[in-house]
Amino acid sequence: MTSAMPTLAVEEELTARMLAQRPARASRMLQALHALAPEAGLHADTGAIDTFDYAVLHHCFERARLGAAGRSESGCRDALTMWQRRATLRAAAVSTAVGAVLVVDSRRCVAVNDSRLASTLHLLPADPPYPGELATGLVEAVDAGLAVGMEVLRTSTAAVIWTDRCGLADHSVSYTLDFLPATVVTSWATHPLRLAETLVHEATHSWLNECLAADEVAVGDGPWLYSPWRGEQRPVYGIIHAALAFAKVIEYLTQVQQRIGQGGVDGEMVAARLLQERASMAEGRESIRQALDYMAGTRIGRYVEAAVEHCAPPA
């Protein structure tokens, strides 16, 4: 691997291309929804759609798809109505430095267990309540991430669906699904620095999914490789995702440590997390190297490689 550092310019270039693709995708989705119910008068003008609306549209589209697959007229109608009333969702969202972000208890979502998915699909409800005291934690977490340069939060964080709560020392389980951009399902970390770490991790997954699609990069099947983060064999696609997500986490933790030092409860937590993730990254280097061979010659592949090198443990 090379020793080149990932530059902000490269990340901005990839992000700009990703964002440029959103209007066309949103227009196609709205056209498909319009075909289900022409009388609804949905418009394909996507000029005013921001990250929040883009995330909501994907939830509406998925609800409509499931309704159509189940021949449920009410399901399709509910999806269309939800999009038309998205201002109601925005009113229930938390105002943060990255824009409106919904915080929703998973028990209020439409839960779908699909054998083709490794995790439960949670779709946003049409009228979630305001999250109350969780709003403060979200605002603090977003601010903590942006304070150390985690700009990925701006384009890839719009909905946080929480399944349970976890403390500072607890293991947090979180995931994203590639067809629901800017949405994360997670154990809600009650400490802002831990919650920010989760948001950075999952926003990176969402960002990478969109960048791969925007650049039309298809990761080949390849061999399954060992993942130290899962303790099992994973496909090339999974290794690439883990490499970038944890590289971003290490970058986040490193910057936080420089700001707060290693003393106190927060400093000790950050130091322990850095030690753990640097060890995992070192253990996964050979798998990452092999996985990156399947992205050779691509901008994203070079960026992931540079990000991994940048977060290597100091000599």
C-alpha atoms as a PDB file:
ATOM      1  CA  MET A   1       0.000   0.000   0.000  1.00  0.00           C
ATOM      2  CA  THR A   2       1.066   3.574  -0.541  1.00  0.00           C
ATOM      3  CA  SER A   3       1.635   6.079   2.221  1.00  0.00           C
ATOM      4  CA  ALA A   4      -0.409   8.871   0.651  1.00  0.00           C
ATOM      5  CA  MET A   5      -2.721  10.738   3.019  1.00  0.00           C
ATOM      6  CA  PRO A   6      -6.381  11.102   2.081  1.00  0.00           C
ATOM      7  CA  THR A   7      -6.964  14.759   1.313  1.00  0.00           C
ATOM      8  CA  LEU A   8     -10.050  16.793   1.955  1.00  0.00           C
ATOM      9  CA  ALA A   9     -10.075  17.669  -1.739  1.00  0.00           C
ATOM     10  CA  VAL A  10     -10.468  14.013  -2.757  1.00  0.00           C
ATOM     11  CA  GLU A  11     -13.256  13.472  -0.254  1.00  0.00           C
ATOM     12  CA  GLU A  12     -14.999  16.621  -1.428  1.00  0.00           C
ATOM     13  CA  GLU A  13     -14.671  15.499  -5.048  1.00  0.00           C
ATOM     14  CA  LEU A  14     -16.232  12.107  -4.287  1.00  0.00           C
ATOM     15  CA  THR A  15     -18.968  13.756  -2.221  1.00  0.00           C
ATOM     16  CA  ALA A  16     -19.782  16.285  -4.949  1.00  0.00           C
ATOM     17  CA  ARG A  17     -20.210  13.521  -7.520  1.00  0.00           C
ATOM     18  CA  MET A  18     -22.372  11.566  -5.102  1.00  0.00           C
ATOM     19  CA  LEU A  19     -24.619  14.553  -4.412  1.00  0.00           C
ATOM     20  CA  ALA A  20     -24.864  15.323  -8.123  1.00  0.00           C
ATOM     21  CA  GLN A  21     -26.421  11.895  -8.694  1.00  0.00           C
ATOM     22  CA  ARG A  22     -29.165  12.313  -6.093  1.00  0.00           C
ATOM     23  CA  PRO A  23     -31.650  14.443  -8.092  1.00  0.00           C
ATOM     24  CA  ALA A  24     -31.787  11.956 -10.973  1.00  0.00           C
ATOM     25  CA  ARG A  25     -32.269   9.027  -8.614  1.00  0.00           C
ATOM     26  CA  ALA A  26     -34.936  10.873  -6.636  1.00  0.00           C
ATOM     27  CA  SER A  27     -36.720  11.785  -9.880  1.00  0.00           C
ATOM     28  CA  ARG A  28     -36.822   8.138 -10.976  1.00  0.00           C
ATOM     29  CA  MET A  29     -38.228   7.093  -7.613  1.00  0.00           C
ATOM     30  CA  LEU A  30     -40.910   9.773  -7.720  1.00  0.00           C
ATOM     31  CA  GLN A  31     -41.845   8.713 -11.249  1.00  0.00           C
ATOM     32  CA  ALA A  32     -42.250   5.138 -10.006  1.00  0.00           C
ATOM     33  CA  LEU A  33     -44.439   6.312  -7.120  1.00  0.00           C
ATOM     34  CA  HIS A  34     -46.467   8.435  -9.533  1.00  0.00           C
ATOM     35  CA  ALA A  35     -47.081   5.349 -11.687  1.00  0.00           C
ATOM     36  CA  LEU A  36     -48.660   3.623  -8.687  1.00  0.00           C
ATOM     37  CA  ALA A  37     -51.162   6.440  -8.202  1.00  0.00           C
ATOM     38  CA  PRO A  38     -51.261   9.061 -10.984  1.00  0.00           C
ATOM     39  CA  GLU A  39     -54.138  10.788  -9.211  1.00  0.00           C
ATOM     40  CA  ALA A  40     -51.796  11.692  -6.331  1.00  0.00           C
ATOM     41  CA  GLY A  41     -50.112  14.267  -8.540  1.00  0.00           C
ATOM     42  CA  LEU A  42     -46.559  13.595  -7.390  1.00  0.00           C
ATOM     43  CA  HIS A  43     -43.994  15.787  -9.085  1.00  0.00           C
ATOM     44  CA  ALA A  44     -40.577  14.658 -10.264  1.00  0.00           C
ATOM     45  CA  ASP A  45     -39.004  18.068  -9.594  1.00  0.00           C
ATOM     46  CA  THR A  46     -36.245  17.238  -7.107  1.00  0.00           C
ATOM     47  CA  GLY A  47     -34.428  20.559  -6.991  1.00  0.00           C
ATOM     48  CA  ALA A  48     -35.441  21.307  -3.411  1.00  0.00           C
ATOM     49  CA  ILE A  49     -34.817  17.834  -1.971  1.00  0.00           C
ATOM     50  CA  ASP A  50     -32.174  17.897   0.757  1.00  0.00           C
ATOM     51  CA  THR A  51     -30.573  14.975   2.621  1.00  0.00           C
ATOM     52  CA  PHE A  52     -33.554  14.707   4.969  1.00  0.00           C
ATOM     53  CA  ASP A  53     -36.098  14.491   2.133  1.00  0.00           C
ATOM     54  CA  TYR A  54     -33.821  12.131   0.225  1.00  0.00           C
ATOM     55  CA  ALA A  55     -33.727   9.741   3.181  1.00  0.00           C
ATOM     56  CA  VAL A  56     -37.494   9.971   3.717  1.00  0.00           C
ATOM     57  CA  LEU A  57     -38.141   9.339   0.017  1.00  0.00           C
ATOM     58  CA  HIS A  58     -36.256   6.050   0.206  1.00  0.00           C
ATOM     59  CA  HIS A  59     -38.357   4.951   3.178  1.00  0.00           C
ATOM     60  CA  CYS A  60     -41.540   5.883   1.289  1.00  0.00           C
ATOM     61  CA  PHE A  61     -40.324   4.079  -1.807  1.00  0.00           C
ATOM     62  CA  GLU A  62     -39.515   0.934   0.167  1.00  0.00           C
ATOM     63  CA  ARG A  63     -42.925   0.997   1.851  1.00  0.00           C
ATOM     64  CA  ALA A  64     -44.568   1.351  -1.568  1.00  0.00           C
ATOM     65  CA  ARG A  65     -42.457  -1.479  -2.976  1.00  0.00           C
ATOM     66  CA  LEU A  66     -43.488  -3.772  -0.147  1.00  0.00           C
ATOM     67  CA  GLY A  67     -47.114  -2.729  -0.592  1.00  0.00           C
ATOM     68  CA  ALA A  68     -47.002  -3.468  -4.318  1.00  0.00           C
ATOM     69  CA  ALA A  69     -45.294  -6.826  -3.735  1.00  0.00           C
ATOM     70  CA  GLY A  70     -48.018  -7.774  -1.269  1.00  0.00           C
ATOM     71  CA  ARG A  71     -50.772  -6.408  -3.523  1.00  0.00           C
ATOM     72  CA  SER A  72     -51.722  -4.019  -0.729  1.00  0.00           C
ATOM     73  CA  GLU A  73     -53.420  -0.890  -2.001  1.00  0.00           C
ATOM     74  CA  SER A  74     -53.448   0.560   1.499  1.00  0.00           C
ATOM     75  CA  GLY A  75     -49.710  -0.020   1.830  1.00  0.00           C
ATOM     76  CA  CYS A  76     -49.016   1.836  -1.400  1.00  0.00           C
ATOM     77  CA  ARG A  77     -51.416   4.604  -0.459  1.00  0.00           C
ATOM     78  CA  ASP A  78     -49.805   5.010   2.964  1.00  0.00           C
ATOM     79  CA  ALA A  79     -46.377   5.338   1.325  1.00  0.00           C
ATOM     80  CA  LEU A  80     -47.623   8.059  -1.030  1.00  0.00           C
ATOM     81  CA  THR A  81     -49.377   9.897   1.784  1.00  0.00           C
ATOM     82  CA  MET A  82     -46.235   9.744   3.882  1.00  0.00           C
ATOM     83  CA  TRP A  83     -44.240  11.459   1.143  1.00  0.00           C
ATOM     84  CA  GLN A  84     -46.897  14.102   0.623  1.00  0.00           C
ATOM     85  CA  ARG A  85     -46.925  14.810   4.368  1.00  0.00           C
ATOM     86  CA  ARG A  86     -43.149  14.741   4.841  1.00  0.00           C
ATOM     87  CA  ALA A  87     -43.330  18.180   6.427  1.00  0.00           C
ATOM     88  CA  THR A  88     -44.900  16.382   9.408  1.00  0.00           C
ATOM     89  CA  LEU A  89     -41.818  14.201   9.676  1.00  0.00           C
ATOM     90  CA  ARG A  90     -39.553  17.235   9.456  1.00  0.00           C
ATOM     91  CA  ALA A  91     -41.498  18.883  12.264  1.00  0.00           C
ATOM     92  CA  ALA A  92     -40.769  15.854  14.456  1.00  0.00           C
ATOM     93  CA  ALA A  93     -37.056  15.916  13.612  1.00  0.00           C
ATOM     94  CA  VAL A  94     -34.234  17.398  15.671  1.00  0.00           C
ATOM     95  CA  SER A  95     -32.588  20.537  14.309  1.00  0.00           C
ATOM     96  CA  THR A  96     -28.833  19.882  14.223  1.00  0.00           C
ATOM     97  CA  ALA A  97     -25.759  21.413  12.626  1.00  0.00           C
ATOM     98  CA  VAL A  98     -26.165  18.942   9.728  1.00  0.00           C
ATOM     99  CA  GLY A  99     -29.857  19.702   9.260  1.00  0.00           C
ATOM    100  CA  ALA A 100     -33.015  17.897  10.338  1.00  0.00           C
ATOM    101  CA  VAL A 101     -32.448  14.446  11.820  1.00  0.00           C
ATOM    102  CA  LEU A 102     -35.238  12.100  12.881  1.00  0.00           C
ATOM    103  CA  VAL A 103     -34.729  10.130  16.092  1.00  0.00           C
ATOM    104  CA  VAL A 104     -37.215   7.268  16.242  1.00  0.00           C
ATOM    105  CA  ASP A 105     -37.792   4.379  18.637  1.00  0.00           C
ATOM    106  CA  SER A 106     -37.618   1.193  16.540  1.00  0.00           C
ATOM    107  CA  ARG A 107     -40.808  -0.040  18.208  1.00  0.00           C
ATOM    108  CA  ARG A 108     -42.687   2.710  16.351  1.00  0.00           C
ATOM    109  CA  CYS A 109     -41.266   1.695  12.977  1.00  0.00           C
ATOM    110  CA  VAL A 110     -42.590  -0.758  10.421  1.00  0.00           C
ATOM    111  CA  ALA A 111     -40.342  -3.774  11.039  1.00  0.00           C
ATOM    112  CA  VAL A 112     -39.726  -6.226   8.198  1.00  0.00           C
ATOM    113  CA  ASN A 113     -37.839  -9.472   8.684  1.00  0.00           C
ATOM    114  CA  ASP A 114     -36.521 -10.488   5.292  1.00  0.00           C
ATOM    115  CA  SER A 115     -34.373 -13.605   4.997  1.00  0.00           C
ATOM    116  CA  ARG A 116     -32.338 -11.856   2.282  1.00  0.00           C
ATOM    117  CA  LEU A 117     -31.187  -9.220   4.790  1.00  0.00           C
ATOM    118  CA  ALA A 118     -28.743  -9.834   7.614  1.00  0.00           C
ATOM    119  CA  SER A 119     -30.570  -7.321   9.826  1.00  0.00           C
ATOM    120  CA  THR A 120     -34.153  -6.248  10.477  1.00  0.00           C
ATOM    121  CA  LEU A 121     -35.503  -3.623   8.086  1.00  0.00           C
ATOM    122  CA  HIS A 122     -37.000  -0.719  10.040  1.00  0.00           C
ATOM    123  CA  LEU A 123     -39.075   1.753   8.020  1.00  0.00           C
ATOM    124  CA  LEU A 124     -39.994   5.163   9.366  1.00  0.00           C
ATOM    125  CA  PRO A 125     -43.527   5.706  10.677  1.00  0.00           C
ATOM    126  CA  ALA A 126     -45.626   8.474   9.193  1.00  0.00           C
ATOM    127  CA  ASP A 127     -45.980  10.403  12.469  1.00  0.00           C
ATOM    128  CA  PRO A 128     -43.156   9.811  14.955  1.00  0.00           C
ATOM    129  CA  PRO A 129     -43.152  11.838  18.176  1.00  0.00           C
ATOM    130  CA  TYR A 130     -40.434  14.353  18.984  1.00  0.00           C
ATOM    131  CA  PRO A 131     -37.606  12.464  20.754  1.00  0.00           C
ATOM    132  CA  GLY A 132     -37.603  14.583  23.921  1.00  0.00           C
ATOM    133  CA  GLU A 133     -34.430  14.252  25.996  1.00  0.00           C
ATOM    134  CA  LEU A 134     -32.684  12.288  23.235  1.00  0.00           C
ATOM    135  CA  ALA A 135     -32.597  15.452  21.134  1.00  0.00           C
ATOM    136  CA  THR A 136     -29.924  17.016  23.343  1.00  0.00           C
ATOM    137  CA  GLY A 137     -27.701  13.947  23.058  1.00  0.00           C
ATOM    138  CA  LEU A 138     -28.026  13.955  19.277  1.00  0.00           C
ATOM    139  CA  VAL A 139     -27.159  17.635  18.951  1.00  0.00           C
ATOM    140  CA  GLU A 140     -24.115  17.181  21.196  1.00  0.00           C
ATOM    141  CA  ALA A 141     -22.990  14.096  19.252  1.00  0.00           C
ATOM    142  CA  VAL A 142     -23.284  15.837  15.877  1.00  0.00           C
ATOM    143  CA  ASP A 143     -21.400  18.846  17.216  1.00  0.00           C
ATOM    144  CA  ALA A 144     -18.675  16.563  18.604  1.00  0.00           C
ATOM    145  CA  GLY A 145     -18.223  14.925  15.213  1.00  0.00           C
ATOM    146  CA  LEU A 146     -18.146  18.159  13.241  1.00  0.00           C
ATOM    147  CA  ALA A 147     -15.740  19.729  15.749  1.00  0.00           C
ATOM    148  CA  VAL A 148     -13.064  17.264  14.634  1.00  0.00           C
ATOM    149  CA  GLY A 149     -13.792  17.461  10.924  1.00  0.00           C
ATOM    150  CA  MET A 150     -16.228  14.579  10.362  1.00  0.00           C
ATOM    151  CA  GLU A 151     -17.944  16.241   7.406  1.00  0.00           C
ATOM    152  CA  VAL A 152     -19.434  12.924   6.291  1.00  0.00           C
ATOM    153  CA  LEU A 153     -22.197  13.581   8.819  1.00  0.00           C
ATOM    154  CA  ARG A 154     -23.508  16.474   6.714  1.00  0.00           C
ATOM    155  CA  THR A 155     -24.459  14.334   3.717  1.00  0.00           C
ATOM    156  CA  SER A 156     -25.232  10.990   5.320  1.00  0.00           C
ATOM    157  CA  THR A 157     -27.134  11.515   8.574  1.00  0.00           C
ATOM    158  CA  ALA A 158     -30.881  12.132   8.474  1.00  0.00           C
ATOM    159  CA  ALA A 159     -32.562   9.363  10.504  1.00  0.00           C
ATOM    160  CA  VAL A 160     -31.442   7.526  13.639  1.00  0.00           C
ATOM    161  CA  ILE A 161     -33.602   4.548  14.584  1.00  0.00           C
ATOM    162  CA  TRP A 162     -32.682   3.311  18.049  1.00  0.00           C
ATOM    163  CA  THR A 163     -33.284  -0.208  19.303  1.00  0.00           C
ATOM    164  CA  ASP A 164     -32.112   0.109  22.928  1.00  0.00           C
ATOM    165  CA  ARG A 165     -29.751   2.206  25.015  1.00  0.00           C
ATOM    166  CA  CYS A 166     -26.141   1.570  25.969  1.00  0.00           C
ATOM    167  CA  GLY A 167     -23.718   3.189  28.369  1.00  0.00           C
ATOM    168  CA  LEU A 168     -20.148   4.359  27.989  1.00  0.00           C
ATOM    169  CA  ALA A 169     -18.577   0.924  28.409  1.00  0.00           C
ATOM    170  CA  ASP A 170     -21.312  -1.093  26.665  1.00  0.00           C
ATOM    171  CA  HIS A 171     -21.064  -2.603  23.204  1.00  0.00           C
ATOM    172  CA  SER A 172     -23.133  -0.678  20.665  1.00  0.00           C
ATOM    173  CA  VAL A 173     -24.738  -2.584  17.792  1.00  0.00           C
ATOM    174  CA  SER A 174     -25.491  -0.528  14.688  1.00  0.00           C
ATOM    175  CA  TYR A 175     -25.998  -0.975  10.959  1.00  0.00           C
ATOM    176  CA  THR A 176     -27.091   0.646   7.724  1.00  0.00           C
ATOM    177  CA  LEU A 177     -28.796  -0.764   4.633  1.00  0.00           C
ATOM    178  CA  ASP A 178     -27.613   0.328   1.206  1.00  0.00           C
ATOM    179  CA  PHE A 179     -31.133   1.083  -0.045  1.00  0.00           C
ATOM    180  CA  LEU A 180     -31.874   3.450   2.878  1.00  0.00           C
ATOM    181  CA  PRO A 181     -29.210   6.178   2.621  1.00  0.00           C
ATOM    182  CA  ALA A 182     -28.566   8.479   5.583  1.00  0.00           C
ATOM    183  CA  THR A 183     -30.403   6.116   7.945  1.00  0.00           C
ATOM    184  CA  VAL A 184     -28.770   4.289  10.848  1.00  0.00           C
ATOM    185  CA  VAL A 185     -30.216   1.669  13.174  1.00  0.00           C
ATOM    186  CA  THR A 186     -28.338   1.596  16.465  1.00  0.00           C
ATOM    187  CA  SER A 187     -28.151   1.022  20.167  1.00  0.00           C
ATOM    188  CA  TRP A 188     -28.469   4.576  21.479  1.00  0.00           C
ATOM    189  CA  ALA A 189     -25.213   5.512  23.213  1.00  0.00           C
ATOM    190  CA  THR A 190     -26.060   7.823  26.092  1.00  0.00           C
ATOM    191  CA  HIS A 191     -22.591   9.427  25.982  1.00  0.00           C
ATOM    192  CA  PRO A 192     -22.283  12.015  23.161  1.00  0.00           C
ATOM    193  CA  LEU A 193     -18.727  11.000  22.210  1.00  0.00           C
ATOM    194  CA  ARG A 194     -19.761   7.360  21.816  1.00  0.00           C
ATOM    195  CA  LEU A 195     -22.901   8.305  19.903  1.00  0.00           C
ATOM    196  CA  ALA A 196     -20.816  10.521  17.620  1.00  0.00           C
ATOM    197  CA  GLU A 197     -18.497   7.588  16.950  1.00  0.00           C
ATOM    198  CA  THR A 198     -21.455   5.449  15.898  1.00  0.00           C
ATOM    199  CA  LEU A 199     -22.848   8.199  13.674  1.00  0.00           C
ATOM    200  CA  VAL A 200     -19.478   8.686  11.971  1.00  0.00           C
ATOM    201  CA  HIS A 201     -19.101   4.938  11.440  1.00  0.00           C
ATOM    202  CA  GLU A 202     -22.544   4.451   9.909  1.00  0.00           C
ATOM    203  CA  ALA A 203     -22.529   7.695   7.927  1.00  0.00           C
ATOM    204  CA  THR A 204     -19.308   6.464   6.316  1.00  0.00           C
ATOM    205  CA  HIS A 205     -21.022   3.225   5.273  1.00  0.00           C
ATOM    206  CA  SER A 206     -23.907   5.193   3.777  1.00  0.00           C
ATOM    207  CA  TRP A 207     -21.547   7.637   2.037  1.00  0.00           C
ATOM    208  CA  LEU A 208     -19.484   4.796   0.575  1.00  0.00           C
ATOM    209  CA  ASN A 209     -22.578   3.019  -0.749  1.00  0.00           C
ATOM    210  CA  GLU A 210     -23.647   6.155  -2.591  1.00  0.00           C
ATOM    211  CA  CYS A 211     -20.138   6.897  -3.870  1.00  0.00           C
ATOM    212  CA  LEU A 212     -19.752   3.391  -5.263  1.00  0.00           C
ATOM    213  CA  ALA A 213     -23.053   3.777  -7.100  1.00  0.00           C
ATOM    214  CA  ALA A 214     -22.214   7.283  -8.338  1.00  0.00           C
ATOM    215  CA  ASP A 215     -18.864   6.150  -9.744  1.00  0.00           C
ATOM    216  CA  GLU A 216     -20.440   2.916 -11.054  1.00  0.00           C
ATOM    217  CA  VAL A 217     -17.880   0.827  -9.180  1.00  0.00           C
ATOM    218  CA  ALA A 218     -18.938  -2.786  -8.765  1.00  0.00           C
ATOM    219  CA  VAL A 219     -16.765  -4.721  -6.336  1.00  0.00           C
ATOM    220  CA  GLY A 220     -16.091  -8.181  -7.745  1.00  0.00           C
ATOM    221  CA  ASP A 221     -17.125 -11.325  -5.913  1.00  0.00           C
ATOM    222  CA  GLY A 222     -13.593 -12.380  -5.053  1.00  0.00           C
ATOM    223  CA  PRO A 223     -12.682 -14.645  -2.150  1.00  0.00           C
ATOM    224  CA  TRP A 224     -14.066 -14.336   1.342  1.00  0.00           C
ATOM    225  CA  LEU A 225     -11.427 -12.826   3.616  1.00  0.00           C
ATOM    226  CA  TYR A 226     -10.932 -12.770   7.362  1.00  0.00           C
ATOM    227  CA  SER A 227     -12.475  -9.788   9.154  1.00  0.00           C
ATOM    228  CA  PRO A 228     -11.039  -9.034  12.610  1.00  0.00           C
ATOM    229  CA  TRP A 229     -14.054  -6.837  13.297  1.00  0.00           C
ATOM    230  CA  ARG A 230     -16.469  -9.741  12.834  1.00  0.00           C
ATOM    231  CA  GLY A 231     -14.110 -12.587  13.732  1.00  0.00           C
ATOM    232  CA  GLU A 232     -15.204 -14.448  10.600  1.00  0.00           C
ATOM    233  CA  GLN A 233     -14.789 -14.591   6.832  1.00  0.00           C
ATOM    234  CA  ARG A 234     -16.427 -11.740   4.925  1.00  0.00           C
ATOM    235  CA  PRO A 235     -16.845 -10.886   1.228  1.00  0.00           C
ATOM    236  CA  VAL A 236     -14.567  -8.322  -0.409  1.00  0.00           C
ATOM    237  CA  TYR A 237     -17.379  -5.742  -0.295  1.00  0.00           C
ATOM    238  CA  GLY A 238     -17.649  -6.150   3.485  1.00  0.00           C
ATOM    239  CA  ILE A 239     -13.895  -5.821   3.994  1.00  0.00           C
ATOM    240  CA  ILE A 240     -13.780  -2.593   1.963  1.00  0.00           C
ATOM    241  CA  HIS A 241     -16.662  -1.146   3.955  1.00  0.00           C
ATOM    242  CA  ALA A 242     -15.125  -2.111   7.294  1.00  0.00           C
ATOM    243  CA  ALA A 243     -11.723  -0.727   6.309  1.00  0.00           C
ATOM    244  CA  LEU A 244     -13.066   2.737   5.482  1.00  0.00           C
ATOM    245  CA  ALA A 245     -15.606   2.909   8.323  1.00  0.00           C
ATOM    246  CA  PHE A 246     -13.059   1.994  10.972  1.00  0.00           C
ATOM    247  CA  ALA A 247     -10.422   4.215   9.387  1.00  0.00           C
ATOM    248  CA  LYS A 248     -12.875   7.081   9.844  1.00  0.00           C
ATOM    249  CA  VAL A 249     -13.539   5.993  13.434  1.00  0.00           C
ATOM    250  CA  ILE A 250      -9.807   5.979  14.162  1.00  0.00           C
ATOM    251  CA  GLU A 251      -9.476   9.434  12.595  1.00  0.00           C
ATOM    252  CA  TYR A 252     -12.377  10.660  14.730  1.00  0.00           C
ATOM    253  CA  LEU A 253     -10.990   9.170  17.952  1.00  0.00           C
ATOM    254  CA  THR A 254      -7.496  10.489  17.231  1.00  0.00           C
ATOM    255  CA  GLN A 255      -8.785  14.020  16.739  1.00  0.00           C
ATOM    256  CA  VAL A 256     -10.936  13.813  19.867  1.00  0.00           C
ATOM    257  CA  GLN A 257      -7.965  12.592  21.901  1.00  0.00           C
ATOM    258  CA  GLN A 258      -5.899  15.536  20.724  1.00  0.00           C
ATOM    259  CA  ARG A 259      -8.656  17.862  21.913  1.00  0.00           C
ATOM    260  CA  ILE A 260      -9.418  16.332  25.326  1.00  0.00           C
ATOM    261  CA  GLY A 261      -6.234  14.482  26.257  1.00  0.00           C
ATOM    262  CA  GLN A 262      -6.057  11.043  27.862  1.00  0.00           C
ATOM    263  CA  GLY A 263      -7.138  11.927  31.392  1.00  0.00           C
ATOM    264  CA  GLY A 264     -10.555  11.546  32.979  1.00  0.00           C
ATOM    265  CA  VAL A 265     -13.331   9.144  32.061  1.00  0.00           C
ATOM    266  CA  ASP A 266     -13.730  10.493  28.534  1.00  0.00           C
ATOM    267  CA  GLY A 267     -10.002  10.456  27.807  1.00  0.00           C
ATOM    268  CA  GLU A 268      -9.619   6.912  29.104  1.00  0.00           C
ATOM    269  CA  MET A 269     -12.565   5.744  27.009  1.00  0.00           C
ATOM    270  CA  VAL A 270     -11.169   7.303  23.840  1.00  0.00           C
ATOM    271  CA  ALA A 271      -7.699   5.875  24.510  1.00  0.00           C
ATOM    272  CA  ALA A 272      -9.137   2.379  25.016  1.00  0.00           C
ATOM    273  CA  ARG A 273     -11.206   2.601  21.833  1.00  0.00           C
ATOM    274  CA  LEU A 274      -8.193   3.804  19.839  1.00  0.00           C
ATOM    275  CA  LEU A 275      -6.070   0.935  21.111  1.00  0.00           C
ATOM    276  CA  GLN A 276      -8.762  -1.577  20.191  1.00  0.00           C
ATOM    277  CA  GLU A 277      -9.462  -0.232  16.703  1.00  0.00           C
ATOM    278  CA  ARG A 278      -5.809   0.255  15.778  1.00  0.00           C
ATOM    279  CA  ALA A 279      -5.158  -3.355  16.768  1.00  0.00           C
ATOM    280  CA  SER A 280      -8.062  -4.568  14.637  1.00  0.00           C
ATOM    281  CA  MET A 281      -6.911  -2.471  11.690  1.00  0.00           C
ATOM    282  CA  ALA A 282      -3.405  -3.903  11.977  1.00  0.00           C
ATOM    283  CA  GLU A 283      -4.819  -7.444  12.134  1.00  0.00           C
ATOM    284  CA  GLY A 284      -6.921  -6.834   9.036  1.00  0.00           C
ATOM    285  CA  ARG A 285      -4.179  -5.315   6.869  1.00  0.00           C
ATOM    286  CA  GLU A 286      -3.642  -8.352   4.678  1.00  0.00           C
ATOM    287  CA  SER A 287      -7.370  -8.844   4.083  1.00  0.00           C
ATOM    288  CA  ILE A 288      -7.707  -5.153   3.232  1.00  0.00           C
ATOM    289  CA  ARG A 289      -4.769  -5.364   0.820  1.00  0.00           C
ATOM    290  CA  GLN A 290      -6.343  -8.300  -0.991  1.00  0.00           C
ATOM    291  CA  ALA A 291      -9.765  -6.660  -1.074  1.00  0.00           C
ATOM    292  CA  LEU A 292      -8.374  -3.435  -2.526  1.00  0.00           C
ATOM    293  CA  ASP A 293      -6.955  -5.412  -5.458  1.00  0.00           C
ATOM    294  CA  TYR A 294     -10.575  -5.736  -6.632  1.00  0.00           C
ATOM    295  CA  MET A 295     -10.898  -1.926  -6.714  1.00  0.00           C
ATOM    296  CA  ALA A 296      -7.579  -1.241  -8.403  1.00  0.00           C
ATOM    297  CA  GLY A 297      -7.558   1.836 -10.628  1.00  0.00           C
ATOM    298  CA  THR A 298     -10.666   3.427  -9.065  1.00  0.00           C
ATOM    299  CA  ARG A 299     -10.766   6.740  -7.218  1.00  0.00           C
ATOM    300  CA  ILE A 300     -12.640   5.194  -4.342  1.00  0.00           C
ATOM    301  CA  GLY A 301     -10.179   2.333  -4.068  1.00  0.00           C
ATOM    302  CA  ARG A 302      -7.278   4.777  -3.893  1.00  0.00           C
ATOM    303  CA  TYR A 303      -9.132   6.838  -1.309  1.00  0.00           C
ATOM    304  CA  VAL A 304      -9.852   3.826   0.922  1.00  0.00           C
ATOM    305  CA  GLU A 305      -6.216   2.754   0.650  1.00  0.00           C
ATOM    306  CA  ALA A 306      -4.993   6.204   1.644  1.00  0.00           C
ATOM    307  CA  ALA A 307      -7.484   6.387   4.533  1.00  0.00           C
ATOM    308  CA  VAL A 308      -6.225   3.059   5.910  1.00  0.00           C
ATOM    309  CA  GLU A 309      -2.611   4.215   5.634  1.00  0.00           C
ATOM    310  CA  HIS A 310      -3.460   7.509   7.310  1.00  0.00           C
ATOM    311  CA  CYS A 311      -4.854   5.788  10.394  1.00  0.00           C
ATOM    312  CA  ALA A 312      -1.953   3.344  10.804  1.00  0.00           C
ATOM    313  CA  PRO A 313      -0.623   3.196  14.394  1.00  0.00           C
ATOM    314  CA  PRO A 314       2.179   5.687  15.044  1.00  0.00           C
ATOM    315  CA  ALA A 315       5.676   4.194  14.881  1.00  0.00           C
END
